[in-house]
Amino acid sequence: MKTACRSKFIFILRVFTICLTGVALWIGEAYAVDDYDNRHLVISPYWQSDSTSYSFIAVTHPSLSEMASQIGLELNAIQSDLSAFDTALSLTVSAGKTERVFIVRTGHSIINSTIIPSGHFIVGTTNYEYGNIIIRNIASHPFVLAGGVVGSPADGRGYRDITMLSFFGGIVFDGTTTGFAMEFIGDTHDSTTTYNASCAGCYSQSASSGVN
């Protein structure tokens, strides 16, 4: 009798454990970032490249509080026909560093990996092409604190959220080295500060993320 009860209890425990694991996995997937959720995207409405011009983007990690020491991103240069100018570029930006990205025609005599070995390149046709930029998180849960040890200063613990990075860019014309600036929507310059209005006497604040 005792053996039968024990076997039944073990069976019920196994079923419960399997169900609990399934629920945990479902919750993890449910709260992962949606690639099309604008709260976790940075976009630029215009870039161009042709035989006389290219686009330049600088990505800076301002090393502010609550930022992870390294933040990964995926940058896509989408053409006007909605196809990719080249394969999406993935890179990691470390605290206090600036990474440079060039969207350029193939065979450029100066803007290439030999002349600028520290740069990142999206290289496509020599024909005139233009479109928009979409930048996504590499981290699947950028709103979850990662790394380091809680309570330790400068330990790298923080959010791996690209909307906390700073983006700057421009369209450059080769012949005159002049051009015009690119606009970035959703990065740290575009963020707003929110307050906890439901808490009387509270002055805590936090930066919202994404396209505001």
C-alpha atoms as a PDB file:
ATOM      1  CA  MET A   1       0.000   0.000   0.000  1.00  0.00           C
ATOM      2  CA  LYS A   2       2.805   2.363   0.987  1.00  0.00           C
ATOM      3  CA  THR A   3       4.705   1.533  -2.228  1.00  0.00           C
ATOM      4  CA  ALA A   4       1.642   2.297  -4.357  1.00  0.00           C
ATOM      5  CA  CYS A   5       1.090   5.650  -2.594  1.00  0.00           C
ATOM      6  CA  ARG A   6       4.744   6.534  -2.959  1.00  0.00           C
ATOM      7  CA  SER A   7       4.691   5.733  -6.697  1.00  0.00           C
ATOM      8  CA  LYS A   8       1.560   7.820  -7.160  1.00  0.00           C
ATOM      9  CA  PHE A   9       3.113  10.742  -5.279  1.00  0.00           C
ATOM     10  CA  ILE A  10       6.285  10.566  -7.391  1.00  0.00           C
ATOM     11  CA  PHE A  11       4.192  10.498 -10.593  1.00  0.00           C
ATOM     12  CA  ILE A  12       2.199  13.580  -9.500  1.00  0.00           C
ATOM     13  CA  LEU A  13       5.429  15.392  -8.541  1.00  0.00           C
ATOM     14  CA  ARG A  14       6.940  14.686 -11.962  1.00  0.00           C
ATOM     15  CA  VAL A  15       3.852  15.976 -13.773  1.00  0.00           C
ATOM     16  CA  PHE A  16       3.867  19.108 -11.605  1.00  0.00           C
ATOM     17  CA  THR A  17       7.574  19.709 -12.310  1.00  0.00           C
ATOM     18  CA  ILE A  18       7.085  19.324 -16.064  1.00  0.00           C
ATOM     19  CA  CYS A  19       4.120  21.724 -16.049  1.00  0.00           C
ATOM     20  CA  LEU A  20       6.041  24.260 -13.959  1.00  0.00           C
ATOM     21  CA  THR A  21       9.006  24.113 -16.345  1.00  0.00           C
ATOM     22  CA  GLY A  22       6.693  24.621 -19.321  1.00  0.00           C
ATOM     23  CA  VAL A  23       5.083  27.664 -17.713  1.00  0.00           C
ATOM     24  CA  ALA A  24       8.495  29.166 -16.921  1.00  0.00           C
ATOM     25  CA  LEU A  25       9.647  28.730 -20.514  1.00  0.00           C
ATOM     26  CA  TRP A  26       6.404  30.226 -21.822  1.00  0.00           C
ATOM     27  CA  ILE A  27       6.787  33.271 -19.560  1.00  0.00           C
ATOM     28  CA  GLY A  28      10.389  33.735 -20.718  1.00  0.00           C
ATOM     29  CA  GLU A  29       9.294  33.713 -24.347  1.00  0.00           C
ATOM     30  CA  ALA A  30       6.282  35.923 -23.695  1.00  0.00           C
ATOM     31  CA  TYR A  31       8.419  38.673 -22.209  1.00  0.00           C
ATOM     32  CA  ALA A  32      11.241  38.506 -24.752  1.00  0.00           C
ATOM     33  CA  VAL A  33      11.599  41.594 -26.943  1.00  0.00           C
ATOM     34  CA  ASP A  34       9.452  41.720 -30.051  1.00  0.00           C
ATOM     35  CA  ASP A  35      11.613  42.753 -33.036  1.00  0.00           C
ATOM     36  CA  TYR A  36       8.874  45.162 -34.083  1.00  0.00           C
ATOM     37  CA  ASP A  37       8.260  46.723 -30.650  1.00  0.00           C
ATOM     38  CA  ASN A  38       9.343  50.348 -31.072  1.00  0.00           C
ATOM     39  CA  ARG A  39      10.183  50.647 -27.381  1.00  0.00           C
ATOM     40  CA  HIS A  40      13.322  48.638 -28.107  1.00  0.00           C
ATOM     41  CA  LEU A  41      14.294  50.015 -31.521  1.00  0.00           C
ATOM     42  CA  VAL A  42      16.429  52.888 -32.749  1.00  0.00           C
ATOM     43  CA  ILE A  43      15.677  54.100 -36.273  1.00  0.00           C
ATOM     44  CA  SER A  44      16.953  56.635 -38.761  1.00  0.00           C
ATOM     45  CA  PRO A  45      14.627  57.674 -41.579  1.00  0.00           C
ATOM     46  CA  TYR A  46      17.317  58.215 -44.235  1.00  0.00           C
ATOM     47  CA  TRP A  47      20.709  57.035 -45.471  1.00  0.00           C
ATOM     48  CA  GLN A  48      22.208  56.986 -48.944  1.00  0.00           C
ATOM     49  CA  SER A  49      25.164  55.647 -50.890  1.00  0.00           C
ATOM     50  CA  ASP A  50      26.254  56.012 -54.503  1.00  0.00           C
ATOM     51  CA  SER A  51      29.340  56.706 -56.618  1.00  0.00           C
ATOM     52  CA  THR A  52      29.851  60.098 -54.945  1.00  0.00           C
ATOM     53  CA  SER A  53      28.528  59.684 -51.379  1.00  0.00           C
ATOM     54  CA  TYR A  54      28.383  57.399 -48.328  1.00  0.00           C
ATOM     55  CA  SER A  55      26.773  57.355 -44.881  1.00  0.00           C
ATOM     56  CA  PHE A  56      28.630  57.469 -41.569  1.00  0.00           C
ATOM     57  CA  ILE A  57      27.267  56.479 -38.133  1.00  0.00           C
ATOM     58  CA  ALA A  58      28.957  56.816 -34.748  1.00  0.00           C
ATOM     59  CA  VAL A  59      27.624  54.767 -31.810  1.00  0.00           C
ATOM     60  CA  THR A  60      28.752  55.855 -28.341  1.00  0.00           C
ATOM     61  CA  HIS A  61      28.344  54.153 -24.963  1.00  0.00           C
ATOM     62  CA  PRO A  62      28.097  57.127 -22.545  1.00  0.00           C
ATOM     63  CA  SER A  63      28.798  54.851 -19.570  1.00  0.00           C
ATOM     64  CA  LEU A  64      25.874  56.157 -17.529  1.00  0.00           C
ATOM     65  CA  SER A  65      24.466  54.468 -14.438  1.00  0.00           C
ATOM     66  CA  GLU A  66      22.254  51.424 -15.079  1.00  0.00           C
ATOM     67  CA  MET A  67      23.940  50.705 -18.412  1.00  0.00           C
ATOM     68  CA  ALA A  68      25.619  47.327 -18.880  1.00  0.00           C
ATOM     69  CA  SER A  69      29.350  47.609 -19.553  1.00  0.00           C
ATOM     70  CA  GLN A  70      28.801  46.090 -23.013  1.00  0.00           C
ATOM     71  CA  ILE A  71      25.743  46.469 -25.247  1.00  0.00           C
ATOM     72  CA  GLY A  72      25.273  44.549 -28.482  1.00  0.00           C
ATOM     73  CA  LEU A  73      23.302  45.784 -31.461  1.00  0.00           C
ATOM     74  CA  GLU A  74      22.277  44.735 -34.958  1.00  0.00           C
ATOM     75  CA  LEU A  75      22.190  47.452 -37.614  1.00  0.00           C
ATOM     76  CA  ASN A  76      20.228  47.031 -40.842  1.00  0.00           C
ATOM     77  CA  ALA A  77      20.455  49.364 -43.845  1.00  0.00           C
ATOM     78  CA  ILE A  78      17.108  48.882 -45.573  1.00  0.00           C
ATOM     79  CA  GLN A  79      16.755  50.112 -49.165  1.00  0.00           C
ATOM     80  CA  SER A  80      13.742  51.901 -50.599  1.00  0.00           C
ATOM     81  CA  ASP A  81      12.522  48.611 -52.117  1.00  0.00           C
ATOM     82  CA  LEU A  82      12.643  47.078 -48.585  1.00  0.00           C
ATOM     83  CA  SER A  83      15.580  44.801 -49.411  1.00  0.00           C
ATOM     84  CA  ALA A  84      18.861  44.930 -47.480  1.00  0.00           C
ATOM     85  CA  PHE A  85      21.792  46.960 -48.852  1.00  0.00           C
ATOM     86  CA  ASP A  86      24.070  44.295 -47.363  1.00  0.00           C
ATOM     87  CA  THR A  87      24.016  41.701 -44.583  1.00  0.00           C
ATOM     88  CA  ALA A  88      22.984  43.152 -41.210  1.00  0.00           C
ATOM     89  CA  LEU A  89      25.927  44.335 -39.125  1.00  0.00           C
ATOM     90  CA  SER A  90      26.317  43.098 -35.538  1.00  0.00           C
ATOM     91  CA  LEU A  91      28.680  44.806 -33.102  1.00  0.00           C
ATOM     92  CA  THR A  92      29.279  45.399 -29.397  1.00  0.00           C
ATOM     93  CA  VAL A  93      29.858  48.817 -27.829  1.00  0.00           C
ATOM     94  CA  SER A  94      31.835  48.925 -24.572  1.00  0.00           C
ATOM     95  CA  ALA A  95      31.521  51.534 -21.815  1.00  0.00           C
ATOM     96  CA  GLY A  96      33.088  54.869 -22.775  1.00  0.00           C
ATOM     97  CA  LYS A  97      33.833  53.743 -26.340  1.00  0.00           C
ATOM     98  CA  THR A  98      32.618  54.870 -29.771  1.00  0.00           C
ATOM     99  CA  GLU A  99      32.219  52.501 -32.703  1.00  0.00           C
ATOM    100  CA  ARG A 100      32.155  53.798 -36.299  1.00  0.00           C
ATOM    101  CA  VAL A 101      29.934  52.370 -39.021  1.00  0.00           C
ATOM    102  CA  PHE A 102      30.215  53.180 -42.745  1.00  0.00           C
ATOM    103  CA  ILE A 103      27.532  52.427 -45.324  1.00  0.00           C
ATOM    104  CA  VAL A 104      29.486  52.631 -48.525  1.00  0.00           C
ATOM    105  CA  ARG A 105      29.771  51.436 -52.110  1.00  0.00           C
ATOM    106  CA  THR A 106      32.037  48.538 -52.950  1.00  0.00           C
ATOM    107  CA  GLY A 107      35.588  49.430 -53.990  1.00  0.00           C
ATOM    108  CA  HIS A 108      35.765  52.823 -52.254  1.00  0.00           C
ATOM    109  CA  SER A 109      39.405  53.943 -52.388  1.00  0.00           C
ATOM    110  CA  ILE A 110      39.510  55.557 -48.926  1.00  0.00           C
ATOM    111  CA  ILE A 111      36.510  54.324 -46.907  1.00  0.00           C
ATOM    112  CA  ASN A 112      37.406  50.650 -46.525  1.00  0.00           C
ATOM    113  CA  SER A 113      38.643  48.183 -43.896  1.00  0.00           C
ATOM    114  CA  THR A 114      42.282  48.516 -44.997  1.00  0.00           C
ATOM    115  CA  ILE A 115      42.422  52.286 -44.462  1.00  0.00           C
ATOM    116  CA  ILE A 116      40.088  52.231 -41.416  1.00  0.00           C
ATOM    117  CA  PRO A 117      40.728  48.848 -39.725  1.00  0.00           C
ATOM    118  CA  SER A 118      38.766  49.794 -36.586  1.00  0.00           C
ATOM    119  CA  GLY A 119      35.629  50.667 -38.568  1.00  0.00           C
ATOM    120  CA  HIS A 120      32.569  48.545 -39.297  1.00  0.00           C
ATOM    121  CA  PHE A 121      31.300  48.390 -42.861  1.00  0.00           C
ATOM    122  CA  ILE A 122      28.069  47.737 -44.713  1.00  0.00           C
ATOM    123  CA  VAL A 123      29.148  47.508 -48.345  1.00  0.00           C
ATOM    124  CA  GLY A 124      26.830  47.420 -51.353  1.00  0.00           C
ATOM    125  CA  THR A 125      26.390  48.432 -54.961  1.00  0.00           C
ATOM    126  CA  THR A 126      27.935  51.521 -56.566  1.00  0.00           C
ATOM    127  CA  ASN A 127      24.481  52.524 -57.818  1.00  0.00           C
ATOM    128  CA  TYR A 128      22.489  55.222 -56.051  1.00  0.00           C
ATOM    129  CA  GLU A 129      20.615  53.613 -53.173  1.00  0.00           C
ATOM    130  CA  TYR A 130      18.785  55.087 -50.205  1.00  0.00           C
ATOM    131  CA  GLY A 131      16.470  53.963 -47.433  1.00  0.00           C
ATOM    132  CA  ASN A 132      16.173  53.792 -43.641  1.00  0.00           C
ATOM    133  CA  ILE A 133      18.136  52.357 -40.743  1.00  0.00           C
ATOM    134  CA  ILE A 134      16.686  49.894 -38.218  1.00  0.00           C
ATOM    135  CA  ILE A 135      18.767  49.053 -35.138  1.00  0.00           C
ATOM    136  CA  ARG A 136      17.766  46.209 -32.828  1.00  0.00           C
ATOM    137  CA  ASN A 137      19.027  44.758 -29.557  1.00  0.00           C
ATOM    138  CA  ILE A 138      21.111  41.614 -29.663  1.00  0.00           C
ATOM    139  CA  ALA A 139      20.032  40.879 -26.076  1.00  0.00           C
ATOM    140  CA  SER A 140      16.646  39.149 -26.020  1.00  0.00           C
ATOM    141  CA  HIS A 141      15.768  40.728 -22.641  1.00  0.00           C
ATOM    142  CA  PRO A 142      17.396  44.205 -22.631  1.00  0.00           C
ATOM    143  CA  PHE A 143      15.114  45.374 -19.800  1.00  0.00           C
ATOM    144  CA  VAL A 144      16.568  42.779 -17.393  1.00  0.00           C
ATOM    145  CA  LEU A 145      19.628  43.739 -15.325  1.00  0.00           C
ATOM    146  CA  ALA A 146      22.628  41.693 -16.395  1.00  0.00           C
ATOM    147  CA  GLY A 147      26.206  41.126 -15.272  1.00  0.00           C
ATOM    148  CA  GLY A 148      28.197  42.278 -12.248  1.00  0.00           C
ATOM    149  CA  VAL A 149      27.301  42.045  -8.591  1.00  0.00           C
ATOM    150  CA  VAL A 150      24.438  43.972  -7.029  1.00  0.00           C
ATOM    151  CA  GLY A 151      25.665  46.901  -4.932  1.00  0.00           C
ATOM    152  CA  SER A 152      29.193  46.992  -6.329  1.00  0.00           C
ATOM    153  CA  PRO A 153      30.107  50.277  -8.051  1.00  0.00           C
ATOM    154  CA  ALA A 154      31.379  50.266 -11.623  1.00  0.00           C
ATOM    155  CA  ASP A 155      30.883  46.516 -11.893  1.00  0.00           C
ATOM    156  CA  GLY A 156      29.299  46.584 -15.323  1.00  0.00           C
ATOM    157  CA  ARG A 157      25.872  45.541 -14.076  1.00  0.00           C
ATOM    158  CA  GLY A 158      23.066  47.176 -16.005  1.00  0.00           C
ATOM    159  CA  TYR A 159      20.650  47.036 -18.920  1.00  0.00           C
ATOM    160  CA  ARG A 160      21.842  45.858 -22.348  1.00  0.00           C
ATOM    161  CA  ASP A 161      19.467  48.299 -24.019  1.00  0.00           C
ATOM    162  CA  ILE A 162      20.475  50.047 -27.262  1.00  0.00           C
ATOM    163  CA  THR A 163      18.071  52.914 -26.527  1.00  0.00           C
ATOM    164  CA  MET A 164      20.537  54.022 -23.822  1.00  0.00           C
ATOM    165  CA  LEU A 165      23.309  54.434 -26.426  1.00  0.00           C
ATOM    166  CA  SER A 166      24.045  57.668 -28.300  1.00  0.00           C
ATOM    167  CA  PHE A 167      23.879  57.690 -32.120  1.00  0.00           C
ATOM    168  CA  PHE A 168      25.175  60.329 -34.514  1.00  0.00           C
ATOM    169  CA  GLY A 169      25.514  60.176 -38.286  1.00  0.00           C
ATOM    170  CA  GLY A 170      25.725  62.003 -41.572  1.00  0.00           C
ATOM    171  CA  ILE A 171      25.567  61.699 -45.347  1.00  0.00           C
ATOM    172  CA  VAL A 172      29.001  62.602 -46.728  1.00  0.00           C
ATOM    173  CA  PHE A 173      29.769  63.720 -50.298  1.00  0.00           C
ATOM    174  CA  ASP A 174      33.200  62.571 -51.400  1.00  0.00           C
ATOM    175  CA  GLY A 175      34.224  65.480 -53.596  1.00  0.00           C
ATOM    176  CA  THR A 176      33.713  68.210 -51.000  1.00  0.00           C
ATOM    177  CA  THR A 177      33.671  66.180 -47.719  1.00  0.00           C
ATOM    178  CA  THR A 178      30.490  68.059 -46.882  1.00  0.00           C
ATOM    179  CA  GLY A 179      27.027  66.651 -46.286  1.00  0.00           C
ATOM    180  CA  PHE A 180      24.094  66.700 -43.900  1.00  0.00           C
ATOM    181  CA  ALA A 181      23.207  65.094 -40.597  1.00  0.00           C
ATOM    182  CA  MET A 182      21.171  61.930 -40.081  1.00  0.00           C
ATOM    183  CA  GLU A 183      18.397  61.897 -37.493  1.00  0.00           C
ATOM    184  CA  PHE A 184      18.149  59.033 -34.984  1.00  0.00           C
ATOM    185  CA  ILE A 185      14.890  58.318 -33.189  1.00  0.00           C
ATOM    186  CA  GLY A 186      14.753  56.253 -30.018  1.00  0.00           C
ATOM    187  CA  ASP A 187      18.315  56.620 -28.681  1.00  0.00           C
ATOM    188  CA  THR A 188      19.357  58.344 -25.460  1.00  0.00           C
ATOM    189  CA  HIS A 189      18.996  61.813 -27.014  1.00  0.00           C
ATOM    190  CA  ASP A 190      15.370  61.058 -27.823  1.00  0.00           C
ATOM    191  CA  SER A 191      14.489  59.613 -24.408  1.00  0.00           C
ATOM    192  CA  THR A 192      12.331  61.359 -21.836  1.00  0.00           C
ATOM    193  CA  THR A 193      12.386  61.313 -18.050  1.00  0.00           C
ATOM    194  CA  THR A 194       9.387  59.930 -16.195  1.00  0.00           C
ATOM    195  CA  TYR A 195       8.377  60.227 -12.553  1.00  0.00           C
ATOM    196  CA  ASN A 196       6.372  57.988 -10.240  1.00  0.00           C
ATOM    197  CA  ALA A 197       3.247  60.140  -9.995  1.00  0.00           C
ATOM    198  CA  SER A 198       1.371  57.608  -7.856  1.00  0.00           C
ATOM    199  CA  CYS A 199       3.822  57.956  -4.980  1.00  0.00           C
ATOM    200  CA  ALA A 200       3.301  61.128  -2.942  1.00  0.00           C
ATOM    201  CA  GLY A 201       6.590  62.699  -1.967  1.00  0.00           C
ATOM    202  CA  CYS A 202       8.598  60.419  -4.274  1.00  0.00           C
ATOM    203  CA  TYR A 203      11.150  62.045  -6.554  1.00  0.00           C
ATOM    204  CA  SER A 204      12.563  58.928  -8.179  1.00  0.00           C
ATOM    205  CA  GLN A 205      12.888  59.149 -11.924  1.00  0.00           C
ATOM    206  CA  SER A 206      13.878  56.917 -14.803  1.00  0.00           C
ATOM    207  CA  ALA A 207      14.469  57.281 -18.530  1.00  0.00           C
ATOM    208  CA  SER A 208      11.912  55.782 -20.837  1.00  0.00           C
ATOM    209  CA  SER A 209      13.216  53.904 -23.882  1.00  0.00           C
ATOM    210  CA  GLY A 210      12.494  53.576 -27.564  1.00  0.00           C
ATOM    211  CA  VAL A 211      10.651  55.803 -29.973  1.00  0.00           C
ATOM    212  CA  ASN A 212       8.867  58.303 -27.705  1.00  0.00           C
END
